[in-house]
Amino acid sequence: MRTSKKSNRLPSWFRIKLSTNQNFAEIRKLIRNNQLHTVCQSAACPNRTECWNSRTATFLILGDMCTRSCTFCSVTKGVPSAPDRHEPARIAAAVASLQLKYAVITSVTRDDLPDGGATLFAETVSAVRLKNPESRVEVLTPDFKGSRESLQTVLHAKPFVFGHNLETVPSLYSKVRPQAEYRRSRNVLAWAREYGTVTKTGIMLGLGEGMEEIEVVMRDLREIGCSILTLGQYLQPSRNHIPVKKYYHPDEFNMLRDKALSLGFEYVAAGPLVRSSYQADKYSEVKVDLTVVK
């Protein structure tokens, strides 16, 4: 099995699609004209061209300014503006315009708000479902500082999938997510699962974690009934962000995917360019076991 040494140059197995089509132009225009934000742009996602060419996008609500200073993320940090109460209606209109059957809603972290932005999450899910009754809605939320009340606000809107990313293994939280806690994020996923919602999380690889640590986290996730897992390669957005410690070979991603499936995950997306919302509509047809794992 091959691995790569630490390097600023991407390995040969990275193939990022750059050519665009008419769909790409239409989505870019729609996002601009409706004053919307997408994680595709704010987080410098390497799959933006592929997704926009396929008429898919992950909508970013609550502005594009984050209150946390995670060392892996390219989203701008600072003091955000007040939530835009008209944003849910604009996103619902965009989903209708794109004729999306599966919509993903995420946000920056808003520790400045009493509910962490949960109310706007719920309003956005409800607005999308009202205007697009055939569409399914996935949310990818922050941890709401561990507030169960805020989480329930979102879950009452009945998203099809509830997502919250662990991002990395517990030993790296102080370096990668200094304002977050592994146990708190785990609790958010556990509570959502107890509520009866299909849960999903994502982990970045290449930050210095060990294979054993990855497996421990996967087992931990299965203990709380998490059904959907994404595993992708961390890419350093700039020299000011935490550096890449290792580039995982596709063979290693395949091995981890097989291991996750053997542990009982219903759907696993694993690969160098996989991101938490990449081809999210694929598991809209996956039969997920809602029995809590003991």
C-alpha atoms as a PDB file:
ATOM      1  CA  MET A   1       0.000   0.000   0.000  1.00  0.00           C
ATOM      2  CA  ARG A   2       1.380   3.383  -0.970  1.00  0.00           C
ATOM      3  CA  THR A   3       1.440   6.611   1.026  1.00  0.00           C
ATOM      4  CA  SER A   4       2.948   9.944   0.219  1.00  0.00           C
ATOM      5  CA  LYS A   5       5.449  12.011   2.108  1.00  0.00           C
ATOM      6  CA  LYS A   6       4.583  15.479   3.347  1.00  0.00           C
ATOM      7  CA  SER A   7       4.780  17.868   0.419  1.00  0.00           C
ATOM      8  CA  ASN A   8       3.266  21.108  -0.825  1.00  0.00           C
ATOM      9  CA  ARG A   9       2.607  19.460  -4.172  1.00  0.00           C
ATOM     10  CA  LEU A  10      -0.589  17.467  -4.665  1.00  0.00           C
ATOM     11  CA  PRO A  11      -0.075  13.764  -5.386  1.00  0.00           C
ATOM     12  CA  SER A  12      -0.659  12.429  -8.880  1.00  0.00           C
ATOM     13  CA  TRP A  13      -3.968  10.790  -7.915  1.00  0.00           C
ATOM     14  CA  PHE A  14      -5.680  14.179  -7.374  1.00  0.00           C
ATOM     15  CA  ARG A  15      -7.791  15.032 -10.397  1.00  0.00           C
ATOM     16  CA  ILE A  16      -9.845  18.198  -9.853  1.00  0.00           C
ATOM     17  CA  LYS A  17     -12.306  18.944 -12.652  1.00  0.00           C
ATOM     18  CA  LEU A  18     -11.990  22.544 -13.847  1.00  0.00           C
ATOM     19  CA  SER A  19     -13.980  22.686 -17.093  1.00  0.00           C
ATOM     20  CA  THR A  20     -17.373  24.370 -16.769  1.00  0.00           C
ATOM     21  CA  ASN A  21     -20.663  24.163 -18.638  1.00  0.00           C
ATOM     22  CA  GLN A  22     -23.895  26.152 -18.897  1.00  0.00           C
ATOM     23  CA  ASN A  23     -25.144  24.818 -15.559  1.00  0.00           C
ATOM     24  CA  PHE A  24     -22.100  26.269 -13.818  1.00  0.00           C
ATOM     25  CA  ALA A  25     -22.791  29.715 -15.260  1.00  0.00           C
ATOM     26  CA  GLU A  26     -26.485  29.549 -14.336  1.00  0.00           C
ATOM     27  CA  ILE A  27     -25.812  28.572 -10.738  1.00  0.00           C
ATOM     28  CA  ARG A  28     -23.156  31.248 -10.305  1.00  0.00           C
ATOM     29  CA  LYS A  29     -25.600  33.849 -11.640  1.00  0.00           C
ATOM     30  CA  LEU A  30     -28.442  32.583  -9.455  1.00  0.00           C
ATOM     31  CA  ILE A  31     -26.288  32.708  -6.314  1.00  0.00           C
ATOM     32  CA  ARG A  32     -25.100  36.222  -7.119  1.00  0.00           C
ATOM     33  CA  ASN A  33     -28.542  37.588  -8.040  1.00  0.00           C
ATOM     34  CA  ASN A  34     -30.185  36.128  -4.932  1.00  0.00           C
ATOM     35  CA  GLN A  35     -27.433  37.354  -2.596  1.00  0.00           C
ATOM     36  CA  LEU A  36     -26.767  33.830  -1.358  1.00  0.00           C
ATOM     37  CA  HIS A  37     -23.668  32.223   0.073  1.00  0.00           C
ATOM     38  CA  THR A  38     -22.474  28.693  -0.604  1.00  0.00           C
ATOM     39  CA  VAL A  39     -19.953  26.579   1.248  1.00  0.00           C
ATOM     40  CA  CYS A  40     -18.629  25.748  -2.227  1.00  0.00           C
ATOM     41  CA  GLN A  41     -17.197  29.276  -2.401  1.00  0.00           C
ATOM     42  CA  SER A  42     -16.591  30.180   1.240  1.00  0.00           C
ATOM     43  CA  ALA A  43     -14.747  26.961   2.075  1.00  0.00           C
ATOM     44  CA  ALA A  44     -12.888  26.826  -1.266  1.00  0.00           C
ATOM     45  CA  CYS A  45     -14.272  23.364  -2.014  1.00  0.00           C
ATOM     46  CA  PRO A  46     -12.293  21.506  -4.710  1.00  0.00           C
ATOM     47  CA  ASN A  47     -15.526  19.986  -6.057  1.00  0.00           C
ATOM     48  CA  ARG A  48     -17.309  23.250  -6.826  1.00  0.00           C
ATOM     49  CA  THR A  49     -16.931  22.930 -10.604  1.00  0.00           C
ATOM     50  CA  GLU A  50     -18.183  19.342 -10.672  1.00  0.00           C
ATOM     51  CA  CYS A  51     -21.149  20.068  -8.409  1.00  0.00           C
ATOM     52  CA  TRP A  52     -22.228  23.276 -10.133  1.00  0.00           C
ATOM     53  CA  ASN A  53     -21.926  21.585 -13.515  1.00  0.00           C
ATOM     54  CA  SER A  54     -24.415  19.029 -12.143  1.00  0.00           C
ATOM     55  CA  ARG A  55     -26.744  21.756 -10.810  1.00  0.00           C
ATOM     56  CA  THR A  56     -26.057  21.079  -7.139  1.00  0.00           C
ATOM     57  CA  ALA A  57     -24.843  23.410  -4.414  1.00  0.00           C
ATOM     58  CA  THR A  58     -24.643  23.501  -0.618  1.00  0.00           C
ATOM     59  CA  PHE A  59     -26.246  26.674   0.708  1.00  0.00           C
ATOM     60  CA  LEU A  60     -24.500  28.570   3.499  1.00  0.00           C
ATOM     61  CA  ILE A  61     -26.842  30.504   5.796  1.00  0.00           C
ATOM     62  CA  LEU A  62     -26.256  33.033   8.581  1.00  0.00           C
ATOM     63  CA  GLY A  63     -23.702  34.985   6.571  1.00  0.00           C
ATOM     64  CA  ASP A  64     -20.160  34.093   5.548  1.00  0.00           C
ATOM     65  CA  MET A  65     -18.321  35.239   8.691  1.00  0.00           C
ATOM     66  CA  CYS A  66     -17.524  32.639  11.370  1.00  0.00           C
ATOM     67  CA  THR A  67     -17.070  33.296  15.087  1.00  0.00           C
ATOM     68  CA  ARG A  68     -14.601  30.461  15.556  1.00  0.00           C
ATOM     69  CA  SER A  69     -10.973  30.138  14.537  1.00  0.00           C
ATOM     70  CA  CYS A  70     -10.549  26.528  13.418  1.00  0.00           C
ATOM     71  CA  THR A  71      -7.109  26.121  11.905  1.00  0.00           C
ATOM     72  CA  PHE A  72      -8.220  23.996   8.941  1.00  0.00           C
ATOM     73  CA  CYS A  73     -11.031  26.167   7.580  1.00  0.00           C
ATOM     74  CA  SER A  74     -10.827  28.914   4.949  1.00  0.00           C
ATOM     75  CA  VAL A  75     -14.126  30.574   5.923  1.00  0.00           C
ATOM     76  CA  THR A  76     -13.516  34.169   7.038  1.00  0.00           C
ATOM     77  CA  LYS A  77     -13.332  34.701  10.793  1.00  0.00           C
ATOM     78  CA  GLY A  78     -14.603  37.798  12.580  1.00  0.00           C
ATOM     79  CA  VAL A  79     -17.695  39.581  13.839  1.00  0.00           C
ATOM     80  CA  PRO A  80     -20.703  38.611  11.696  1.00  0.00           C
ATOM     81  CA  SER A  81     -23.694  40.749  10.838  1.00  0.00           C
ATOM     82  CA  ALA A  82     -27.227  40.158  12.083  1.00  0.00           C
ATOM     83  CA  PRO A  83     -29.087  37.196  10.544  1.00  0.00           C
ATOM     84  CA  ASP A  84     -31.054  37.968   7.385  1.00  0.00           C
ATOM     85  CA  ARG A  85     -34.657  36.909   8.027  1.00  0.00           C
ATOM     86  CA  HIS A  86     -35.389  36.934   4.293  1.00  0.00           C
ATOM     87  CA  GLU A  87     -32.656  34.373   3.608  1.00  0.00           C
ATOM     88  CA  PRO A  88     -34.890  31.270   4.032  1.00  0.00           C
ATOM     89  CA  ALA A  89     -37.293  32.508   1.341  1.00  0.00           C
ATOM     90  CA  ARG A  90     -34.442  33.248  -1.068  1.00  0.00           C
ATOM     91  CA  ILE A  91     -32.936  29.800  -0.563  1.00  0.00           C
ATOM     92  CA  ALA A  92     -36.322  28.151  -1.066  1.00  0.00           C
ATOM     93  CA  ALA A  93     -36.683  30.081  -4.324  1.00  0.00           C
ATOM     94  CA  ALA A  94     -33.190  29.016  -5.411  1.00  0.00           C
ATOM     95  CA  VAL A  95     -33.964  25.343  -4.711  1.00  0.00           C
ATOM     96  CA  ALA A  96     -37.101  25.708  -6.834  1.00  0.00           C
ATOM     97  CA  SER A  97     -35.216  27.438  -9.631  1.00  0.00           C
ATOM     98  CA  LEU A  98     -32.576  24.691  -9.666  1.00  0.00           C
ATOM     99  CA  GLN A  99     -35.289  22.039  -9.399  1.00  0.00           C
ATOM    100  CA  LEU A 100     -33.328  20.298  -6.681  1.00  0.00           C
ATOM    101  CA  LYS A 101     -34.689  17.049  -5.322  1.00  0.00           C
ATOM    102  CA  TYR A 102     -32.081  17.124  -2.557  1.00  0.00           C
ATOM    103  CA  ALA A 103     -30.911  20.331  -0.876  1.00  0.00           C
ATOM    104  CA  VAL A 104     -28.124  20.742   1.689  1.00  0.00           C
ATOM    105  CA  ILE A 105     -28.205  23.647   4.160  1.00  0.00           C
ATOM    106  CA  THR A 106     -25.179  24.488   6.287  1.00  0.00           C
ATOM    107  CA  SER A 107     -23.864  27.553   8.098  1.00  0.00           C
ATOM    108  CA  VAL A 108     -20.949  29.281   9.691  1.00  0.00           C
ATOM    109  CA  THR A 109     -20.728  28.945  13.472  1.00  0.00           C
ATOM    110  CA  ARG A 110     -22.620  31.758  15.191  1.00  0.00           C
ATOM    111  CA  ASP A 111     -21.611  31.688  18.852  1.00  0.00           C
ATOM    112  CA  ASP A 112     -22.756  35.331  19.036  1.00  0.00           C
ATOM    113  CA  LEU A 113     -26.420  34.321  18.753  1.00  0.00           C
ATOM    114  CA  PRO A 114     -28.379  33.032  21.781  1.00  0.00           C
ATOM    115  CA  ASP A 115     -29.563  29.942  19.887  1.00  0.00           C
ATOM    116  CA  GLY A 116     -26.487  29.623  17.672  1.00  0.00           C
ATOM    117  CA  GLY A 117     -28.631  30.263  14.596  1.00  0.00           C
ATOM    118  CA  ALA A 118     -30.942  27.285  15.180  1.00  0.00           C
ATOM    119  CA  THR A 119     -34.097  29.298  14.514  1.00  0.00           C
ATOM    120  CA  LEU A 120     -32.924  30.375  11.057  1.00  0.00           C
ATOM    121  CA  PHE A 121     -31.924  26.782  10.295  1.00  0.00           C
ATOM    122  CA  ALA A 122     -35.445  25.634  11.139  1.00  0.00           C
ATOM    123  CA  GLU A 123     -37.039  28.466   9.169  1.00  0.00           C
ATOM    124  CA  THR A 124     -34.899  27.642   6.132  1.00  0.00           C
ATOM    125  CA  VAL A 125     -35.757  23.935   6.220  1.00  0.00           C
ATOM    126  CA  SER A 126     -39.462  24.771   6.558  1.00  0.00           C
ATOM    127  CA  ALA A 127     -39.346  27.337   3.750  1.00  0.00           C
ATOM    128  CA  VAL A 128     -37.609  24.937   1.364  1.00  0.00           C
ATOM    129  CA  ARG A 129     -40.049  22.138   2.128  1.00  0.00           C
ATOM    130  CA  LEU A 130     -43.082  24.415   1.767  1.00  0.00           C
ATOM    131  CA  LYS A 131     -42.034  25.695  -1.643  1.00  0.00           C
ATOM    132  CA  ASN A 132     -40.534  22.380  -2.763  1.00  0.00           C
ATOM    133  CA  PRO A 133     -42.660  19.618  -1.207  1.00  0.00           C
ATOM    134  CA  GLU A 134     -40.914  16.900  -3.240  1.00  0.00           C
ATOM    135  CA  SER A 135     -37.444  17.976  -2.155  1.00  0.00           C
ATOM    136  CA  ARG A 136     -35.523  16.413   0.696  1.00  0.00           C
ATOM    137  CA  VAL A 137     -33.461  18.662   2.949  1.00  0.00           C
ATOM    138  CA  GLU A 138     -30.221  17.811   4.722  1.00  0.00           C
ATOM    139  CA  VAL A 139     -28.724  20.107   7.348  1.00  0.00           C
ATOM    140  CA  LEU A 140     -25.093  20.342   8.386  1.00  0.00           C
ATOM    141  CA  THR A 141     -25.002  22.331  11.616  1.00  0.00           C
ATOM    142  CA  PRO A 142     -22.453  23.636  14.106  1.00  0.00           C
ATOM    143  CA  ASP A 143     -22.516  22.263  17.673  1.00  0.00           C
ATOM    144  CA  PHE A 144     -24.701  25.083  19.083  1.00  0.00           C
ATOM    145  CA  LYS A 145     -22.341  25.077  22.102  1.00  0.00           C
ATOM    146  CA  GLY A 146     -23.930  21.797  23.102  1.00  0.00           C
ATOM    147  CA  SER A 147     -27.419  23.279  23.517  1.00  0.00           C
ATOM    148  CA  ARG A 148     -30.005  20.507  23.294  1.00  0.00           C
ATOM    149  CA  GLU A 149     -32.745  23.135  23.028  1.00  0.00           C
ATOM    150  CA  SER A 150     -31.152  24.656  19.913  1.00  0.00           C
ATOM    151  CA  LEU A 151     -30.712  21.199  18.409  1.00  0.00           C
ATOM    152  CA  GLN A 152     -34.373  20.378  18.987  1.00  0.00           C
ATOM    153  CA  THR A 153     -35.368  23.626  17.288  1.00  0.00           C
ATOM    154  CA  VAL A 154     -33.662  22.379  14.120  1.00  0.00           C
ATOM    155  CA  LEU A 155     -34.962  18.826  14.423  1.00  0.00           C
ATOM    156  CA  HIS A 156     -38.566  19.988  14.862  1.00  0.00           C
ATOM    157  CA  ALA A 157     -38.367  21.210  11.252  1.00  0.00           C
ATOM    158  CA  LYS A 158     -37.826  17.550  10.258  1.00  0.00           C
ATOM    159  CA  PRO A 159     -34.731  17.545   8.038  1.00  0.00           C
ATOM    160  CA  PHE A 160     -34.270  14.320   6.090  1.00  0.00           C
ATOM    161  CA  VAL A 161     -30.681  13.964   7.339  1.00  0.00           C
ATOM    162  CA  PHE A 162     -29.011  15.724  10.264  1.00  0.00           C
ATOM    163  CA  GLY A 163     -25.296  16.277   9.807  1.00  0.00           C
ATOM    164  CA  HIS A 164     -22.645  17.561  12.181  1.00  0.00           C
ATOM    165  CA  ASN A 165     -18.966  17.041  11.398  1.00  0.00           C
ATOM    166  CA  LEU A 166     -16.501  15.730  13.956  1.00  0.00           C
ATOM    167  CA  GLU A 167     -13.773  16.870  11.507  1.00  0.00           C
ATOM    168  CA  THR A 168     -10.917  15.045  13.247  1.00  0.00           C
ATOM    169  CA  VAL A 169      -9.918  12.651  16.035  1.00  0.00           C
ATOM    170  CA  PRO A 170     -10.087  13.683  19.728  1.00  0.00           C
ATOM    171  CA  SER A 171      -6.308  14.060  20.174  1.00  0.00           C
ATOM    172  CA  LEU A 172      -6.158  16.794  17.503  1.00  0.00           C
ATOM    173  CA  TYR A 173      -9.065  18.957  18.654  1.00  0.00           C
ATOM    174  CA  SER A 174      -6.880  21.439  20.547  1.00  0.00           C
ATOM    175  CA  LYS A 175      -4.874  22.102  17.367  1.00  0.00           C
ATOM    176  CA  VAL A 176      -7.614  21.823  14.752  1.00  0.00           C
ATOM    177  CA  ARG A 177     -10.821  22.894  16.531  1.00  0.00           C
ATOM    178  CA  PRO A 178      -9.648  24.819  19.635  1.00  0.00           C
ATOM    179  CA  GLN A 179     -13.131  26.197  20.429  1.00  0.00           C
ATOM    180  CA  ALA A 180     -14.865  22.833  20.024  1.00  0.00           C
ATOM    181  CA  GLU A 181     -14.941  19.630  22.046  1.00  0.00           C
ATOM    182  CA  TYR A 182     -15.063  16.084  20.709  1.00  0.00           C
ATOM    183  CA  ARG A 183     -17.460  14.891  23.406  1.00  0.00           C
ATOM    184  CA  ARG A 184     -19.790  17.819  22.775  1.00  0.00           C
ATOM    185  CA  SER A 185     -19.923  17.128  19.048  1.00  0.00           C
ATOM    186  CA  ARG A 186     -20.493  13.449  19.747  1.00  0.00           C
ATOM    187  CA  ASN A 187     -23.383  14.355  22.046  1.00  0.00           C
ATOM    188  CA  VAL A 188     -25.005  16.473  19.329  1.00  0.00           C
ATOM    189  CA  LEU A 189     -25.009  13.472  16.992  1.00  0.00           C
ATOM    190  CA  ALA A 190     -26.232  11.152  19.741  1.00  0.00           C
ATOM    191  CA  TRP A 191     -29.120  13.460  20.681  1.00  0.00           C
ATOM    192  CA  ALA A 192     -30.192  13.857  17.062  1.00  0.00           C
ATOM    193  CA  ARG A 193     -30.179  10.088  16.679  1.00  0.00           C
ATOM    194  CA  GLU A 194     -32.260   9.659  19.841  1.00  0.00           C
ATOM    195  CA  TYR A 195     -34.748  12.069  18.320  1.00  0.00           C
ATOM    196  CA  GLY A 196     -35.225   9.611  15.450  1.00  0.00           C
ATOM    197  CA  THR A 197     -33.303  11.461  12.756  1.00  0.00           C
ATOM    198  CA  VAL A 198     -30.820   9.896  10.348  1.00  0.00           C
ATOM    199  CA  THR A 199     -27.386  11.221  11.346  1.00  0.00           C
ATOM    200  CA  LYS A 200     -24.244  11.869   9.367  1.00  0.00           C
ATOM    201  CA  THR A 201     -20.742  13.129  10.080  1.00  0.00           C
ATOM    202  CA  GLY A 202     -17.491  13.832   8.249  1.00  0.00           C
ATOM    203  CA  ILE A 203     -13.824  13.414   9.122  1.00  0.00           C
ATOM    204  CA  MET A 204     -10.803  14.998   7.423  1.00  0.00           C
ATOM    205  CA  LEU A 205      -7.674  12.893   7.071  1.00  0.00           C
ATOM    206  CA  GLY A 206      -4.085  14.029   6.839  1.00  0.00           C
ATOM    207  CA  LEU A 207      -3.863  16.215   9.943  1.00  0.00           C
ATOM    208  CA  GLY A 208      -1.641  13.815  11.879  1.00  0.00           C
ATOM    209  CA  GLU A 209      -4.142  11.223  13.078  1.00  0.00           C
ATOM    210  CA  GLY A 210      -3.308   7.537  13.285  1.00  0.00           C
ATOM    211  CA  MET A 211      -5.208   4.688  11.661  1.00  0.00           C
ATOM    212  CA  GLU A 212      -6.057   3.305  15.077  1.00  0.00           C
ATOM    213  CA  GLU A 213      -7.568   6.637  16.103  1.00  0.00           C
ATOM    214  CA  ILE A 214      -9.736   6.714  12.985  1.00  0.00           C
ATOM    215  CA  GLU A 215     -11.100   3.258  13.755  1.00  0.00           C
ATOM    216  CA  VAL A 216     -11.815   4.209  17.380  1.00  0.00           C
ATOM    217  CA  VAL A 217     -13.844   7.201  16.196  1.00  0.00           C
ATOM    218  CA  MET A 218     -15.739   5.065  13.687  1.00  0.00           C
ATOM    219  CA  ARG A 219     -16.639   2.571  16.407  1.00  0.00           C
ATOM    220  CA  ASP A 220     -17.683   5.435  18.675  1.00  0.00           C
ATOM    221  CA  LEU A 221     -19.984   6.760  15.957  1.00  0.00           C
ATOM    222  CA  ARG A 222     -21.614   3.378  15.487  1.00  0.00           C
ATOM    223  CA  GLU A 223     -22.254   3.156  19.222  1.00  0.00           C
ATOM    224  CA  ILE A 224     -24.477   6.239  18.927  1.00  0.00           C
ATOM    225  CA  GLY A 225     -26.189   5.025  15.764  1.00  0.00           C
ATOM    226  CA  CYS A 226     -24.566   7.325  13.207  1.00  0.00           C
ATOM    227  CA  SER A 227     -25.525   5.971   9.766  1.00  0.00           C
ATOM    228  CA  ILE A 228     -23.630   8.048   7.193  1.00  0.00           C
ATOM    229  CA  LEU A 229     -19.892   8.806   7.162  1.00  0.00           C
ATOM    230  CA  THR A 230     -17.690  10.826   4.839  1.00  0.00           C
ATOM    231  CA  LEU A 231     -13.889  10.593   4.800  1.00  0.00           C
ATOM    232  CA  GLY A 232     -11.847  13.051   2.757  1.00  0.00           C
ATOM    233  CA  GLN A 233      -8.332  14.398   2.406  1.00  0.00           C
ATOM    234  CA  TYR A 234      -7.518  17.638   4.199  1.00  0.00           C
ATOM    235  CA  LEU A 235      -6.021  20.271   1.887  1.00  0.00           C
ATOM    236  CA  GLN A 236      -4.268  23.294   3.363  1.00  0.00           C
ATOM    237  CA  PRO A 237      -6.171  26.421   2.193  1.00  0.00           C
ATOM    238  CA  SER A 238      -3.188  28.746   2.764  1.00  0.00           C
ATOM    239  CA  ARG A 239       0.147  28.954   4.550  1.00  0.00           C
ATOM    240  CA  ASN A 240      -1.696  30.401   7.545  1.00  0.00           C
ATOM    241  CA  HIS A 241      -3.625  27.165   8.073  1.00  0.00           C
ATOM    242  CA  ILE A 242      -2.491  23.946   9.709  1.00  0.00           C
ATOM    243  CA  PRO A 243      -0.237  22.026   7.288  1.00  0.00           C
ATOM    244  CA  VAL A 244      -0.977  18.652   5.726  1.00  0.00           C
ATOM    245  CA  LYS A 245       0.846  15.860   7.550  1.00  0.00           C
ATOM    246  CA  LYS A 246       0.013  13.117   5.071  1.00  0.00           C
ATOM    247  CA  TYR A 247      -1.748  12.531   1.756  1.00  0.00           C
ATOM    248  CA  TYR A 248      -3.765   9.331   1.883  1.00  0.00           C
ATOM    249  CA  HIS A 249      -3.690   7.133  -1.198  1.00  0.00           C
ATOM    250  CA  PRO A 250      -7.039   6.039  -2.731  1.00  0.00           C
ATOM    251  CA  ASP A 251      -6.215   2.482  -1.650  1.00  0.00           C
ATOM    252  CA  GLU A 252      -6.168   3.640   1.960  1.00  0.00           C
ATOM    253  CA  PHE A 253      -9.506   5.410   1.528  1.00  0.00           C
ATOM    254  CA  ASN A 254     -10.963   2.203   0.072  1.00  0.00           C
ATOM    255  CA  MET A 255      -9.651   0.237   3.029  1.00  0.00           C
ATOM    256  CA  LEU A 256     -11.198   2.691   5.487  1.00  0.00           C
ATOM    257  CA  ARG A 257     -14.469   2.641   3.592  1.00  0.00           C
ATOM    258  CA  ASP A 258     -14.585  -1.160   3.773  1.00  0.00           C
ATOM    259  CA  LYS A 259     -13.827  -1.024   7.493  1.00  0.00           C
ATOM    260  CA  ALA A 260     -16.592   1.513   8.121  1.00  0.00           C
ATOM    261  CA  LEU A 261     -19.110  -0.563   6.203  1.00  0.00           C
ATOM    262  CA  SER A 262     -18.098  -3.654   8.154  1.00  0.00           C
ATOM    263  CA  LEU A 263     -18.842  -1.739  11.361  1.00  0.00           C
ATOM    264  CA  GLY A 264     -22.398  -1.130  10.180  1.00  0.00           C
ATOM    265  CA  PHE A 265     -22.483   2.295   8.536  1.00  0.00           C
ATOM    266  CA  GLU A 266     -25.252   2.349   5.938  1.00  0.00           C
ATOM    267  CA  TYR A 267     -23.422   4.683   3.553  1.00  0.00           C
ATOM    268  CA  VAL A 268     -19.755   5.679   3.394  1.00  0.00           C
ATOM    269  CA  ALA A 269     -18.164   8.113   0.956  1.00  0.00           C
ATOM    270  CA  ALA A 270     -14.370   7.980   1.116  1.00  0.00           C
ATOM    271  CA  GLY A 271     -11.766   9.445  -1.210  1.00  0.00           C
ATOM    272  CA  PRO A 272      -9.211  12.233  -1.619  1.00  0.00           C
ATOM    273  CA  LEU A 273     -11.757  14.783  -2.857  1.00  0.00           C
ATOM    274  CA  VAL A 274     -14.743  13.683  -0.774  1.00  0.00           C
ATOM    275  CA  ARG A 275     -16.311  16.469   1.270  1.00  0.00           C
ATOM    276  CA  SER A 276     -19.216  16.258   3.708  1.00  0.00           C
ATOM    277  CA  SER A 277     -21.828  17.357   1.161  1.00  0.00           C
ATOM    278  CA  TYR A 278     -20.285  15.799  -1.940  1.00  0.00           C
ATOM    279  CA  GLN A 279     -22.944  13.956  -3.986  1.00  0.00           C
ATOM    280  CA  ALA A 280     -25.192  14.062  -0.937  1.00  0.00           C
ATOM    281  CA  ASP A 281     -28.241  13.167  -3.002  1.00  0.00           C
ATOM    282  CA  LYS A 282     -26.856   9.656  -3.529  1.00  0.00           C
ATOM    283  CA  TYR A 283     -27.969   8.502  -0.114  1.00  0.00           C
ATOM    284  CA  SER A 284     -31.486   9.830  -0.580  1.00  0.00           C
ATOM    285  CA  GLU A 285     -32.232   6.318  -1.844  1.00  0.00           C
ATOM    286  CA  VAL A 286     -30.275   4.458   0.835  1.00  0.00           C
ATOM    287  CA  LYS A 287     -32.398   2.486   3.284  1.00  0.00           C
ATOM    288  CA  VAL A 288     -31.124   3.568   6.698  1.00  0.00           C
ATOM    289  CA  ASP A 289     -31.760   1.425   9.765  1.00  0.00           C
ATOM    290  CA  LEU A 290     -33.233   3.709  12.419  1.00  0.00           C
ATOM    291  CA  THR A 291     -32.713   1.231  15.246  1.00  0.00           C
ATOM    292  CA  VAL A 292     -30.379   2.754  17.833  1.00  0.00           C
ATOM    293  CA  VAL A 293     -27.179   0.733  18.116  1.00  0.00           C
ATOM    294  CA  LYS A 294     -26.597  -0.579  21.646  1.00  0.00           C
END
